[in-house]
């Protein structure tokens, strides 16, 4: 049995290509992740873990297989974990991404936040 839902079709195709014969009950019933979370929270009364506020998953934070968008969320909402990962990059001399380091991404994200703040202020001043 697998917990993949209809939004994870690519993962299922990949698993099947590798010979998986798992059953996919969420696919068969066509339930989305959003609906599953709604049922858990509203009908069962179970509070979802905090990472669901920011991520579609509750995987490790940070997940080293994640893309830059998820790493931005780690930087934004879990800075202590981001800085630990950044420190490890510097220590071992390898980066998470082929084309950039977490340090370089942080500079870019800080610049983006400053620009957004400046634009917000400029729009508020008559």
PDB file of N, CA and C in Angstrom:
ATOM      1  N   UNK A   1       0.843  -1.175   0.000  1.00  0.00           N
ATOM      2  CA  UNK A   1       0.000   0.000   0.000  1.00  0.00           C
ATOM      3  C   UNK A   1       0.892   1.242   0.000  1.00  0.00           C
ATOM      4  N   UNK A   2       0.456   2.216  -0.700  1.00  0.00           N
ATOM      5  CA  UNK A   2       1.183   3.471  -0.770  1.00  0.00           C
ATOM      6  C   UNK A   2       0.250   4.620  -0.433  1.00  0.00           C
ATOM      7  N   UNK A   3       0.808   5.672   0.178  1.00  0.00           N
ATOM      8  CA  UNK A   3       0.037   6.856   0.521  1.00  0.00           C
ATOM      9  C   UNK A   3       0.062   7.917  -0.555  1.00  0.00           C
ATOM     10  N   UNK A   4       0.580   7.581  -1.744  1.00  0.00           N
ATOM     11  CA  UNK A   4       0.583   8.561  -2.830  1.00  0.00           C
ATOM     12  C   UNK A   4      -0.847   8.914  -3.201  1.00  0.00           C
ATOM     13  N   UNK A   5      -1.072  10.196  -3.477  1.00  0.00           N
ATOM     14  CA  UNK A   5      -2.407  10.616  -3.888  1.00  0.00           C
ATOM     15  C   UNK A   5      -2.397  11.010  -5.362  1.00  0.00           C
ATOM     16  N   UNK A   6      -3.523  11.490  -5.854  1.00  0.00           N
ATOM     17  CA  UNK A   6      -3.644  11.763  -7.288  1.00  0.00           C
ATOM     18  C   UNK A   6      -2.726  12.885  -7.760  1.00  0.00           C
ATOM     19  N   UNK A   7      -2.210  13.689  -6.844  1.00  0.00           N
ATOM     20  CA  UNK A   7      -1.293  14.765  -7.211  1.00  0.00           C
ATOM     21  C   UNK A   7       0.147  14.267  -7.389  1.00  0.00           C
ATOM     22  N   UNK A   8       0.395  13.005  -7.063  1.00  0.00           N
ATOM     23  CA  UNK A   8       1.742  12.459  -7.117  1.00  0.00           C
ATOM     24  C   UNK A   8       1.899  11.390  -8.203  1.00  0.00           C
ATOM     25  N   UNK A   9       1.197  11.606  -9.284  1.00  0.00           N
ATOM     26  CA  UNK A   9       1.181  10.625 -10.363  1.00  0.00           C
ATOM     27  C   UNK A   9       2.586  10.304 -10.887  1.00  0.00           C
ATOM     28  N   UNK A  10       3.438  11.324 -11.002  1.00  0.00           N
ATOM     29  CA  UNK A  10       4.812  11.108 -11.498  1.00  0.00           C
ATOM     30  C   UNK A  10       5.577  10.132 -10.620  1.00  0.00           C
ATOM     31  N   UNK A  11       5.375  10.224  -9.316  1.00  0.00           N
ATOM     32  CA  UNK A  11       6.075   9.325  -8.391  1.00  0.00           C
ATOM     33  C   UNK A  11       5.600   7.882  -8.576  1.00  0.00           C
ATOM     34  N   UNK A  12       4.329   7.728  -8.852  1.00  0.00           N
ATOM     35  CA  UNK A  12       3.767   6.390  -9.049  1.00  0.00           C
ATOM     36  C   UNK A  12       4.339   5.776 -10.329  1.00  0.00           C
ATOM     37  N   UNK A  13       4.369   6.552 -11.398  1.00  0.00           N
ATOM     38  CA  UNK A  13       4.930   6.081 -12.676  1.00  0.00           C
ATOM     39  C   UNK A  13       6.374   5.645 -12.472  1.00  0.00           C
ATOM     40  N   UNK A  14       7.134   6.469 -11.761  1.00  0.00           N
ATOM     41  CA  UNK A  14       8.544   6.145 -11.496  1.00  0.00           C
ATOM     42  C   UNK A  14       8.664   4.862 -10.676  1.00  0.00           C
ATOM     43  N   UNK A  15       7.821   4.716  -9.645  1.00  0.00           N
ATOM     44  CA  UNK A  15       7.859   3.512  -8.810  1.00  0.00           C
ATOM     45  C   UNK A  15       7.505   2.266  -9.627  1.00  0.00           C
ATOM     46  N   UNK A  16       6.502   2.396 -10.475  1.00  0.00           N
ATOM     47  CA  UNK A  16       6.109   1.265 -11.304  1.00  0.00           C
ATOM     48  C   UNK A  16       7.198   0.907 -12.303  1.00  0.00           C
ATOM     49  N   UNK A  17       7.888   1.915 -12.833  1.00  0.00           N
ATOM     50  CA  UNK A  17       8.993   1.669 -13.768  1.00  0.00           C
ATOM     51  C   UNK A  17      10.119   0.896 -13.086  1.00  0.00           C
ATOM     52  N   UNK A  18      10.224   1.068 -11.769  1.00  0.00           N
ATOM     53  CA  UNK A  18      11.250   0.355 -11.002  1.00  0.00           C
ATOM     54  C   UNK A  18      10.759  -1.008 -10.513  1.00  0.00           C
ATOM     55  N   UNK A  19       9.532  -1.375 -10.899  1.00  0.00           N
ATOM     56  CA  UNK A  19       9.003  -2.693 -10.577  1.00  0.00           C
ATOM     57  C   UNK A  19       8.072  -2.757  -9.383  1.00  0.00           C
ATOM     58  N   UNK A  20       7.668  -1.638  -8.835  1.00  0.00           N
ATOM     59  CA  UNK A  20       6.775  -1.633  -7.687  1.00  0.00           C
ATOM     60  C   UNK A  20       5.405  -2.190  -8.070  1.00  0.00           C
ATOM     61  N   UNK A  21       4.850  -2.989  -7.189  1.00  0.00           N
ATOM     62  CA  UNK A  21       3.503  -3.523  -7.409  1.00  0.00           C
ATOM     63  C   UNK A  21       2.564  -3.054  -6.303  1.00  0.00           C
ATOM     64  N   UNK A  22       2.862  -1.906  -5.709  1.00  0.00           N
ATOM     65  CA  UNK A  22       2.066  -1.366  -4.608  1.00  0.00           C
ATOM     66  C   UNK A  22       0.655  -1.018  -5.075  1.00  0.00           C
ATOM     67  N   UNK A  23      -0.253  -1.026  -4.138  1.00  0.00           N
ATOM     68  CA  UNK A  23      -1.626  -0.571  -4.365  1.00  0.00           C
ATOM     69  C   UNK A  23      -1.693   0.901  -3.978  1.00  0.00           C
ATOM     70  N   UNK A  24      -2.582   1.636  -4.609  1.00  0.00           N
ATOM     71  CA  UNK A  24      -2.707   3.074  -4.385  1.00  0.00           C
ATOM     72  C   UNK A  24      -4.151   3.428  -4.051  1.00  0.00           C
ATOM     73  N   UNK A  25      -4.585   3.180  -2.809  1.00  0.00           N
ATOM     74  CA  UNK A  25      -5.993   3.409  -2.459  1.00  0.00           C
ATOM     75  C   UNK A  25      -6.424   4.872  -2.590  1.00  0.00           C
ATOM     76  N   UNK A  26      -5.519   5.814  -2.361  1.00  0.00           N
ATOM     77  CA  UNK A  26      -5.898   7.225  -2.495  1.00  0.00           C
ATOM     78  C   UNK A  26      -6.134   7.589  -3.952  1.00  0.00           C
ATOM     79  N   UNK A  27      -5.387   6.945  -4.839  1.00  0.00           N
ATOM     80  CA  UNK A  27      -5.594   7.164  -6.273  1.00  0.00           C
ATOM     81  C   UNK A  27      -6.940   6.569  -6.685  1.00  0.00           C
ATOM     82  N   UNK A  28      -7.188   5.347  -6.219  1.00  0.00           N
ATOM     83  CA  UNK A  28      -8.423   4.660  -6.599  1.00  0.00           C
ATOM     84  C   UNK A  28      -9.665   5.435  -6.154  1.00  0.00           C
ATOM     85  N   UNK A  29      -9.573   6.117  -5.009  1.00  0.00           N
ATOM     86  CA  UNK A  29     -10.716   6.887  -4.520  1.00  0.00           C
ATOM     87  C   UNK A  29     -10.650   8.353  -4.946  1.00  0.00           C
ATOM     88  N   UNK A  30      -9.559   8.733  -5.637  1.00  0.00           N
ATOM     89  CA  UNK A  30      -9.355  10.085  -6.173  1.00  0.00           C
ATOM     90  C   UNK A  30      -9.414  11.169  -5.087  1.00  0.00           C
ATOM     91  N   UNK A  31      -8.765  10.893  -3.960  1.00  0.00           N
ATOM     92  CA  UNK A  31      -8.717  11.856  -2.867  1.00  0.00           C
ATOM     93  C   UNK A  31      -7.422  12.663  -2.972  1.00  0.00           C
ATOM     94  N   UNK A  32      -7.530  13.981  -2.859  1.00  0.00           N
ATOM     95  CA  UNK A  32      -6.353  14.847  -2.919  1.00  0.00           C
ATOM     96  C   UNK A  32      -5.743  15.032  -1.526  1.00  0.00           C
ATOM     97  N   UNK A  33      -4.522  15.507  -1.508  1.00  0.00           N
ATOM     98  CA  UNK A  33      -3.851  15.813  -0.237  1.00  0.00           C
ATOM     99  C   UNK A  33      -4.651  16.831   0.564  1.00  0.00           C
ATOM    100  N   UNK A  34      -5.154  17.848  -0.124  1.00  0.00           N
ATOM    101  CA  UNK A  34      -5.938  18.890   0.553  1.00  0.00           C
ATOM    102  C   UNK A  34      -7.153  18.285   1.250  1.00  0.00           C
ATOM    103  N   UNK A  35      -7.841  17.377   0.566  1.00  0.00           N
ATOM    104  CA  UNK A  35      -9.025  16.739   1.149  1.00  0.00           C
ATOM    105  C   UNK A  35      -8.641  15.848   2.323  1.00  0.00           C
ATOM    106  N   UNK A  36      -7.534  15.136   2.196  1.00  0.00           N
ATOM    107  CA  UNK A  36      -7.067  14.279   3.288  1.00  0.00           C
ATOM    108  C   UNK A  36      -6.794  15.124   4.532  1.00  0.00           C
ATOM    109  N   UNK A  37      -6.094  16.238   4.341  1.00  0.00           N
ATOM    110  CA  UNK A  37      -5.771  17.117   5.476  1.00  0.00           C
ATOM    111  C   UNK A  37      -7.039  17.716   6.075  1.00  0.00           C
ATOM    112  N   UNK A  38      -8.006  18.053   5.235  1.00  0.00           N
ATOM    113  CA  UNK A  38      -9.271  18.594   5.736  1.00  0.00           C
ATOM    114  C   UNK A  38      -9.985  17.556   6.607  1.00  0.00           C
ATOM    115  N   UNK A  39     -10.033  16.330   6.141  1.00  0.00           N
ATOM    116  CA  UNK A  39     -10.689  15.253   6.901  1.00  0.00           C
ATOM    117  C   UNK A  39      -9.993  15.054   8.240  1.00  0.00           C
ATOM    118  N   UNK A  40      -8.667  14.974   8.207  1.00  0.00           N
ATOM    119  CA  UNK A  40      -7.902  14.752   9.445  1.00  0.00           C
ATOM    120  C   UNK A  40      -8.153  15.882  10.438  1.00  0.00           C
ATOM    121  N   UNK A  41      -8.068  17.127   9.972  1.00  0.00           N
ATOM    122  CA  UNK A  41      -8.208  18.279  10.875  1.00  0.00           C
ATOM    123  C   UNK A  41      -9.649  18.519  11.300  1.00  0.00           C
ATOM    124  N   UNK A  42     -10.573  18.537  10.346  1.00  0.00           N
ATOM    125  CA  UNK A  42     -11.951  18.948  10.653  1.00  0.00           C
ATOM    126  C   UNK A  42     -12.853  17.808  11.114  1.00  0.00           C
ATOM    127  N   UNK A  43     -12.745  16.653  10.476  1.00  0.00           N
ATOM    128  CA  UNK A  43     -13.647  15.555  10.830  1.00  0.00           C
ATOM    129  C   UNK A  43     -13.097  14.703  11.967  1.00  0.00           C
ATOM    130  N   UNK A  44     -11.802  14.481  11.981  1.00  0.00           N
ATOM    131  CA  UNK A  44     -11.213  13.658  13.029  1.00  0.00           C
ATOM    132  C   UNK A  44     -10.723  14.493  14.207  1.00  0.00           C
ATOM    133  N   UNK A  45     -10.595  15.808  14.010  1.00  0.00           N
ATOM    134  CA  UNK A  45     -10.172  16.689  15.095  1.00  0.00           C
ATOM    135  C   UNK A  45      -8.706  16.550  15.484  1.00  0.00           C
ATOM    136  N   UNK A  46      -7.868  16.120  14.545  1.00  0.00           N
ATOM    137  CA  UNK A  46      -6.437  15.952  14.819  1.00  0.00           C
ATOM    138  C   UNK A  46      -5.695  17.154  14.239  1.00  0.00           C
ATOM    139  N   UNK A  47      -4.906  17.810  15.081  1.00  0.00           N
ATOM    140  CA  UNK A  47      -4.136  18.965  14.621  1.00  0.00           C
ATOM    141  C   UNK A  47      -2.980  18.482  13.752  1.00  0.00           C
ATOM    142  N   UNK A  48      -2.868  19.064  12.557  1.00  0.00           N
ATOM    143  CA  UNK A  48      -1.782  18.693  11.650  1.00  0.00           C
ATOM    144  C   UNK A  48      -0.465  19.275  12.146  1.00  0.00           C
ATOM    145  N   UNK A  49       0.648  18.590  11.891  1.00  0.00           N
ATOM    146  CA  UNK A  49       1.956  19.114  12.289  1.00  0.00           C
ATOM    147  C   UNK A  49       2.223  20.482  11.653  1.00  0.00           C
ATOM    148  N   UNK A  50       2.983  21.311  12.347  1.00  0.00           N
ATOM    149  CA  UNK A  50       3.262  22.670  11.919  1.00  0.00           C
ATOM    150  C   UNK A  50       3.794  22.807  10.498  1.00  0.00           C
ATOM    151  N   UNK A  51       4.697  21.910  10.030  1.00  0.00           N
ATOM    152  CA  UNK A  51       5.221  22.093   8.667  1.00  0.00           C
ATOM    153  C   UNK A  51       4.145  22.190   7.585  1.00  0.00           C
ATOM    154  N   UNK A  52       2.967  21.645   7.821  1.00  0.00           N
ATOM    155  CA  UNK A  52       1.904  21.742   6.817  1.00  0.00           C
ATOM    156  C   UNK A  52       1.440  23.181   6.600  1.00  0.00           C
ATOM    157  N   UNK A  53       1.784  24.090   7.514  1.00  0.00           N
ATOM    158  CA  UNK A  53       1.469  25.506   7.296  1.00  0.00           C
ATOM    159  C   UNK A  53       2.240  26.048   6.090  1.00  0.00           C
ATOM    160  N   UNK A  54       3.443  25.501   5.874  1.00  0.00           N
ATOM    161  CA  UNK A  54       4.347  26.045   4.862  1.00  0.00           C
ATOM    162  C   UNK A  54       4.657  25.094   3.712  1.00  0.00           C
ATOM    163  N   UNK A  55       4.567  23.796   3.976  1.00  0.00           N
ATOM    164  CA  UNK A  55       4.945  22.781   2.999  1.00  0.00           C
ATOM    165  C   UNK A  55       3.765  21.874   2.686  1.00  0.00           C
ATOM    166  N   UNK A  56       3.846  21.191   1.549  1.00  0.00           N
ATOM    167  CA  UNK A  56       2.824  20.206   1.202  1.00  0.00           C
ATOM    168  C   UNK A  56       3.068  18.891   1.926  1.00  0.00           C
ATOM    169  N   UNK A  57       4.197  18.794   2.602  1.00  0.00           N
ATOM    170  CA  UNK A  57       4.606  17.538   3.225  1.00  0.00           C
ATOM    171  C   UNK A  57       5.074  17.779   4.652  1.00  0.00           C
ATOM    172  N   UNK A  58       5.348  16.695   5.335  1.00  0.00           N
ATOM    173  CA  UNK A  58       5.904  16.760   6.678  1.00  0.00           C
ATOM    174  C   UNK A  58       7.206  15.959   6.690  1.00  0.00           C
ATOM    175  N   UNK A  59       7.999  16.146   5.653  1.00  0.00           N
ATOM    176  CA  UNK A  59       9.288  15.458   5.559  1.00  0.00           C
ATOM    177  C   UNK A  59      10.293  16.138   6.472  1.00  0.00           C
ATOM    178  N   UNK A  60      11.514  15.658   6.415  1.00  0.00           N
ATOM    179  CA  UNK A  60      12.583  16.282   7.190  1.00  0.00           C
ATOM    180  C   UNK A  60      12.729  17.740   6.779  1.00  0.00           C
ATOM    181  N   UNK A  61      13.044  18.560   7.749  1.00  0.00           N
ATOM    182  CA  UNK A  61      13.284  19.976   7.462  1.00  0.00           C
ATOM    183  C   UNK A  61      14.691  20.298   7.944  1.00  0.00           C
ATOM    184  N   UNK A  62      15.587  20.600   7.045  1.00  0.00           N
ATOM    185  CA  UNK A  62      15.390  20.683   5.605  1.00  0.00           C
ATOM    186  C   UNK A  62      15.511  19.314   4.949  1.00  0.00           C
ATOM    187  N   UNK A  63      14.853  19.176   3.824  1.00  0.00           N
ATOM    188  CA  UNK A  63      14.999  17.993   2.990  1.00  0.00           C
ATOM    189  C   UNK A  63      16.041  18.345   1.937  1.00  0.00           C
ATOM    190  N   UNK A  64      17.135  17.627   1.918  1.00  0.00           N
ATOM    191  CA  UNK A  64      18.215  17.957   0.998  1.00  0.00           C
ATOM    192  C   UNK A  64      17.875  17.624  -0.453  1.00  0.00           C
ATOM    193  N   UNK A  65      16.757  16.952  -0.665  1.00  0.00           N
ATOM    194  CA  UNK A  65      16.301  16.685  -2.030  1.00  0.00           C
ATOM    195  C   UNK A  65      15.320  17.752  -2.507  1.00  0.00           C
ATOM    196  N   UNK A  66      15.027  18.696  -1.639  1.00  0.00           N
ATOM    197  CA  UNK A  66      14.041  19.735  -1.961  1.00  0.00           C
ATOM    198  C   UNK A  66      14.584  20.715  -2.989  1.00  0.00           C
ATOM    199  N   UNK A  67      13.669  21.420  -3.615  1.00  0.00           N
ATOM    200  CA  UNK A  67      14.041  22.456  -4.561  1.00  0.00           C
ATOM    201  C   UNK A  67      14.271  23.786  -3.852  1.00  0.00           C
ATOM    202  N   UNK A  68      14.649  24.783  -4.628  1.00  0.00           N
ATOM    203  CA  UNK A  68      14.975  26.098  -4.072  1.00  0.00           C
ATOM    204  C   UNK A  68      13.764  26.745  -3.401  1.00  0.00           C
ATOM    205  N   UNK A  69      12.589  26.525  -3.929  1.00  0.00           N
ATOM    206  CA  UNK A  69      11.378  27.099  -3.335  1.00  0.00           C
ATOM    207  C   UNK A  69      11.188  26.588  -1.903  1.00  0.00           C
ATOM    208  N   UNK A  70      11.382  25.285  -1.702  1.00  0.00           N
ATOM    209  CA  UNK A  70      11.261  24.744  -0.349  1.00  0.00           C
ATOM    210  C   UNK A  70      12.400  25.230   0.540  1.00  0.00           C
ATOM    211  N   UNK A  71      13.596  25.364  -0.021  1.00  0.00           N
ATOM    212  CA  UNK A  71      14.716  25.891   0.769  1.00  0.00           C
ATOM    213  C   UNK A  71      14.445  27.327   1.201  1.00  0.00           C
ATOM    214  N   UNK A  72      13.775  28.099   0.353  1.00  0.00           N
ATOM    215  CA  UNK A  72      13.393  29.451   0.745  1.00  0.00           C
ATOM    216  C   UNK A  72      12.487  29.389   1.979  1.00  0.00           C
ATOM    217  N   UNK A  73      11.545  28.473   1.969  1.00  0.00           N
ATOM    218  CA  UNK A  73      10.634  28.330   3.115  1.00  0.00           C
ATOM    219  C   UNK A  73      11.396  27.920   4.366  1.00  0.00           C
ATOM    220  N   UNK A  74      12.395  27.062   4.218  1.00  0.00           N
ATOM    221  CA  UNK A  74      13.217  26.682   5.371  1.00  0.00           C
ATOM    222  C   UNK A  74      13.919  27.926   5.905  1.00  0.00           C
ATOM    223  N   UNK A  75      14.517  28.719   4.995  1.00  0.00           N
ATOM    224  CA  UNK A  75      15.209  29.948   5.394  1.00  0.00           C
ATOM    225  C   UNK A  75      14.250  30.897   6.110  1.00  0.00           C
ATOM    226  N   UNK A  76      13.040  31.000   5.587  1.00  0.00           N
ATOM    227  CA  UNK A  76      12.050  31.951   6.106  1.00  0.00           C
ATOM    228  C   UNK A  76      11.435  31.517   7.432  1.00  0.00           C
ATOM    229  N   UNK A  77      11.067  30.225   7.548  1.00  0.00           N
ATOM    230  CA  UNK A  77      10.288  29.766   8.695  1.00  0.00           C
ATOM    231  C   UNK A  77      11.072  28.914   9.691  1.00  0.00           C
ATOM    232  N   UNK A  78      12.196  28.369   9.264  1.00  0.00           N
ATOM    233  CA  UNK A  78      13.030  27.539  10.137  1.00  0.00           C
ATOM    234  C   UNK A  78      14.489  27.979  10.006  1.00  0.00           C
ATOM    235  N   UNK A  79      14.776  29.251  10.331  1.00  0.00           N
ATOM    236  CA  UNK A  79      16.122  29.780  10.082  1.00  0.00           C
ATOM    237  C   UNK A  79      17.237  29.013  10.784  1.00  0.00           C
ATOM    238  N   UNK A  80      16.983  28.521  11.990  1.00  0.00           N
ATOM    239  CA  UNK A  80      18.042  27.790  12.694  1.00  0.00           C
ATOM    240  C   UNK A  80      18.453  26.541  11.919  1.00  0.00           C
ATOM    241  N   UNK A  81      17.517  25.902  11.258  1.00  0.00           N
ATOM    242  CA  UNK A  81      17.829  24.710  10.460  1.00  0.00           C
ATOM    243  C   UNK A  81      18.536  25.108   9.160  1.00  0.00           C
ATOM    244  N   UNK A  82      18.103  26.219   8.581  1.00  0.00           N
ATOM    245  CA  UNK A  82      18.758  26.703   7.368  1.00  0.00           C
ATOM    246  C   UNK A  82      20.224  27.015   7.652  1.00  0.00           C
ATOM    247  N   UNK A  83      20.488  27.733   8.743  1.00  0.00           N
ATOM    248  CA  UNK A  83      21.863  28.132   9.041  1.00  0.00           C
ATOM    249  C   UNK A  83      22.739  26.939   9.391  1.00  0.00           C
ATOM    250  N   UNK A  84      22.151  25.924   9.974  1.00  0.00           N
ATOM    251  CA  UNK A  84      22.905  24.698  10.255  1.00  0.00           C
ATOM    252  C   UNK A  84      23.299  24.009   8.940  1.00  0.00           C
ATOM    253  N   UNK A  85      22.366  23.957   7.988  1.00  0.00           N
ATOM    254  CA  UNK A  85      22.653  23.350   6.680  1.00  0.00           C
ATOM    255  C   UNK A  85      23.696  24.178   5.932  1.00  0.00           C
ATOM    256  N   UNK A  86      23.560  25.498   6.000  1.00  0.00           N
ATOM    257  CA  UNK A  86      24.508  26.397   5.348  1.00  0.00           C
ATOM    258  C   UNK A  86      25.908  26.209   5.935  1.00  0.00           C
ATOM    259  N   UNK A  87      25.966  26.078   7.234  1.00  0.00           N
ATOM    260  CA  UNK A  87      27.241  25.832   7.924  1.00  0.00           C
ATOM    261  C   UNK A  87      27.869  24.517   7.465  1.00  0.00           C
ATOM    262  N   UNK A  88      27.045  23.499   7.292  1.00  0.00           N
ATOM    263  CA  UNK A  88      27.549  22.195   6.836  1.00  0.00           C
ATOM    264  C   UNK A  88      28.058  22.275   5.400  1.00  0.00           C
ATOM    265  N   UNK A  89      27.372  23.030   4.550  1.00  0.00           N
ATOM    266  CA  UNK A  89      27.851  23.246   3.182  1.00  0.00           C
ATOM    267  C   UNK A  89      29.263  23.825   3.215  1.00  0.00           C
ATOM    268  N   UNK A  90      29.441  24.844   4.030  1.00  0.00           N
ATOM    269  CA  UNK A  90      30.741  25.508   4.127  1.00  0.00           C
ATOM    270  C   UNK A  90      31.792  24.564   4.700  1.00  0.00           C
ATOM    271  N   UNK A  91      31.409  23.754   5.680  1.00  0.00           N
ATOM    272  CA  UNK A  91      32.343  22.826   6.328  1.00  0.00           C
ATOM    273  C   UNK A  91      32.839  21.742   5.369  1.00  0.00           C
ATOM    274  N   UNK A  92      31.908  21.150   4.605  1.00  0.00           N
ATOM    275  CA  UNK A  92      32.307  20.040   3.732  1.00  0.00           C
ATOM    276  C   UNK A  92      32.721  20.496   2.339  1.00  0.00           C
ATOM    277  N   UNK A  93      32.433  21.759   2.005  1.00  0.00           N
ATOM    278  CA  UNK A  93      32.843  22.285   0.709  1.00  0.00           C
ATOM    279  C   UNK A  93      32.008  21.806  -0.464  1.00  0.00           C
ATOM    280  N   UNK A  94      30.823  21.338  -0.198  1.00  0.00           N
ATOM    281  CA  UNK A  94      29.883  20.903  -1.237  1.00  0.00           C
ATOM    282  C   UNK A  94      28.576  21.645  -1.033  1.00  0.00           C
ATOM    283  N   UNK A  95      27.868  21.891  -2.139  1.00  0.00           N
ATOM    284  CA  UNK A  95      26.605  22.605  -2.051  1.00  0.00           C
ATOM    285  C   UNK A  95      25.425  21.679  -2.315  1.00  0.00           C
ATOM    286  N   UNK A  96      24.281  22.096  -1.840  1.00  0.00           N
ATOM    287  CA  UNK A  96      23.044  21.338  -2.061  1.00  0.00           C
ATOM    288  C   UNK A  96      22.694  21.357  -3.549  1.00  0.00           C
ATOM    289  N   UNK A  97      22.880  22.514  -4.180  1.00  0.00           N
ATOM    290  CA  UNK A  97      22.543  22.684  -5.589  1.00  0.00           C
ATOM    291  C   UNK A  97      23.804  22.746  -6.437  1.00  0.00           C
ATOM    292  N   UNK A  98      23.705  22.348  -7.676  1.00  0.00           N
ATOM    293  CA  UNK A  98      24.857  22.363  -8.584  1.00  0.00           C
ATOM    294  C   UNK A  98      25.270  23.779  -8.955  1.00  0.00           C
ATOM    295  N   UNK A  99      24.289  24.681  -9.066  1.00  0.00           N
ATOM    296  CA  UNK A  99      24.560  26.007  -9.622  1.00  0.00           C
ATOM    297  C   UNK A  99      24.692  27.126  -8.598  1.00  0.00           C
ATOM    298  N   UNK A 100      24.458  26.841  -7.317  1.00  0.00           N
ATOM    299  CA  UNK A 100      24.516  27.899  -6.307  1.00  0.00           C
ATOM    300  C   UNK A 100      24.653  27.291  -4.913  1.00  0.00           C
ATOM    301  N   UNK A 101      25.058  28.097  -3.973  1.00  0.00           N
ATOM    302  CA  UNK A 101      25.164  27.643  -2.585  1.00  0.00           C
ATOM    303  C   UNK A 101      24.014  28.233  -1.770  1.00  0.00           C
ATOM    304  N   UNK A 102      23.824  27.703  -0.586  1.00  0.00           N
ATOM    305  CA  UNK A 102      22.803  28.259   0.300  1.00  0.00           C
ATOM    306  C   UNK A 102      23.165  29.690   0.698  1.00  0.00           C
ATOM    307  N   UNK A 103      24.444  29.965   0.828  1.00  0.00           N
ATOM    308  CA  UNK A 103      24.889  31.326   1.138  1.00  0.00           C
ATOM    309  C   UNK A 103      24.470  32.287   0.033  1.00  0.00           C
ATOM    310  N   UNK A 104      24.674  31.905  -1.215  1.00  0.00           N
ATOM    311  CA  UNK A 104      24.292  32.753  -2.348  1.00  0.00           C
ATOM    312  C   UNK A 104      22.776  32.926  -2.414  1.00  0.00           C
ATOM    313  N   UNK A 105      22.044  31.856  -2.144  1.00  0.00           N
ATOM    314  CA  UNK A 105      20.582  31.956  -2.145  1.00  0.00           C
ATOM    315  C   UNK A 105      20.099  32.890  -1.051  1.00  0.00           C
ATOM    316  N   UNK A 106      20.726  32.820   0.114  1.00  0.00           N
ATOM    317  CA  UNK A 106      20.326  33.694   1.208  1.00  0.00           C
ATOM    318  C   UNK A 106      20.511  35.164   0.824  1.00  0.00           C
ATOM    319  N   UNK A 107      21.618  35.492   0.184  1.00  0.00           N
ATOM    320  CA  UNK A 107      21.859  36.872  -0.267  1.00  0.00           C
ATOM    321  C   UNK A 107      20.744  37.303  -1.221  1.00  0.00           C
ATOM    322  N   UNK A 108      20.408  36.437  -2.155  1.00  0.00           N
ATOM    323  CA  UNK A 108      19.349  36.734  -3.127  1.00  0.00           C
ATOM    324  C   UNK A 108      18.008  36.948  -2.423  1.00  0.00           C
ATOM    325  N   UNK A 109      17.676  36.066  -1.470  1.00  0.00           N
ATOM    326  CA  UNK A 109      16.400  36.171  -0.769  1.00  0.00           C
ATOM    327  C   UNK A 109      16.330  37.425   0.093  1.00  0.00           C
ATOM    328  N   UNK A 110      17.430  37.782   0.736  1.00  0.00           N
ATOM    329  CA  UNK A 110      17.446  39.015   1.533  1.00  0.00           C
ATOM    330  C   UNK A 110      17.213  40.227   0.634  1.00  0.00           C
ATOM    331  N   UNK A 111      17.848  40.219  -0.527  1.00  0.00           N
ATOM    332  CA  UNK A 111      17.682  41.311  -1.486  1.00  0.00           C
ATOM    333  C   UNK A 111      16.223  41.397  -1.938  1.00  0.00           C
ATOM    334  N   UNK A 112      15.621  40.237  -2.217  1.00  0.00           N
ATOM    335  CA  UNK A 112      14.207  40.210  -2.633  1.00  0.00           C
ATOM    336  C   UNK A 112      13.308  40.782  -1.536  1.00  0.00           C
ATOM    337  N   UNK A 113      13.552  40.400  -0.294  1.00  0.00           N
ATOM    338  CA  UNK A 113      12.737  40.900   0.814  1.00  0.00           C
ATOM    339  C   UNK A 113      12.894  42.405   0.958  1.00  0.00           C
ATOM    340  N   UNK A 114      14.116  42.911   0.832  1.00  0.00           N
ATOM    341  CA  UNK A 114      14.352  44.351   0.941  1.00  0.00           C
ATOM    342  C   UNK A 114      13.645  45.101  -0.172  1.00  0.00           C
ATOM    343  N   UNK A 115      13.694  44.573  -1.404  1.00  0.00           N
ATOM    344  CA  UNK A 115      13.001  45.208  -2.517  1.00  0.00           C
ATOM    345  C   UNK A 115      11.494  45.243  -2.286  1.00  0.00           C
ATOM    346  N   UNK A 116      10.953  44.136  -1.798  1.00  0.00           N
ATOM    347  CA  UNK A 116       9.514  44.060  -1.543  1.00  0.00           C
ATOM    348  C   UNK A 116       9.108  45.072  -0.481  1.00  0.00           C
ATOM    349  N   UNK A 117       9.925  45.186   0.565  1.00  0.00           N
ATOM    350  CA  UNK A 117       9.630  46.134   1.641  1.00  0.00           C
ATOM    351  C   UNK A 117       9.710  47.567   1.127  1.00  0.00           C
ATOM    352  N   UNK A 118      10.748  47.849   0.332  1.00  0.00           N
ATOM    353  CA  UNK A 118      10.896  49.201  -0.230  1.00  0.00           C
ATOM    354  C   UNK A 118       9.709  49.547  -1.130  1.00  0.00           C
ATOM    355  N   UNK A 119       9.269  48.623  -1.944  1.00  0.00           N
ATOM    356  CA  UNK A 119       8.111  48.863  -2.821  1.00  0.00           C
ATOM    357  C   UNK A 119       6.856  49.104  -2.014  1.00  0.00           C
ATOM    358  N   UNK A 120       6.708  48.342  -0.933  1.00  0.00           N
ATOM    359  CA  UNK A 120       5.535  48.501  -0.079  1.00  0.00           C
ATOM    360  C   UNK A 120       5.530  49.910   0.521  1.00  0.00           C
ATOM    361  N   UNK A 121       6.664  50.367   1.020  1.00  0.00           N
ATOM    362  CA  UNK A 121       6.757  51.692   1.627  1.00  0.00           C
ATOM    363  C   UNK A 121       6.489  52.771   0.571  1.00  0.00           C
ATOM    364  N   UNK A 122       7.080  52.606  -0.616  1.00  0.00           N
ATOM    365  CA  UNK A 122       6.900  53.590  -1.677  1.00  0.00           C
ATOM    366  C   UNK A 122       5.426  53.719  -2.075  1.00  0.00           C
ATOM    367  N   UNK A 123       4.732  52.629  -2.092  1.00  0.00           N
ATOM    368  CA  UNK A 123       3.316  52.664  -2.465  1.00  0.00           C
ATOM    369  C   UNK A 123       2.438  53.289  -1.387  1.00  0.00           C
ATOM    370  N   UNK A 124       2.904  53.262  -0.146  1.00  0.00           N
ATOM    371  CA  UNK A 124       2.114  53.809   0.941  1.00  0.00           C
ATOM    372  C   UNK A 124       2.298  55.307   1.093  1.00  0.00           C
ATOM    373  N   UNK A 125       3.401  55.834   0.591  1.00  0.00           N
ATOM    374  CA  UNK A 125       3.670  57.264   0.732  1.00  0.00           C
ATOM    375  C   UNK A 125       2.962  58.019  -0.392  1.00  0.00           C
ATOM    376  N   UNK A 126       2.091  59.002  -0.030  1.00  0.00           N
ATOM    377  CA  UNK A 126       1.362  59.749  -1.074  1.00  0.00           C
ATOM    378  C   UNK A 126       2.265  60.693  -1.832  1.00  0.00           C
TER     379      UNK A 126
END
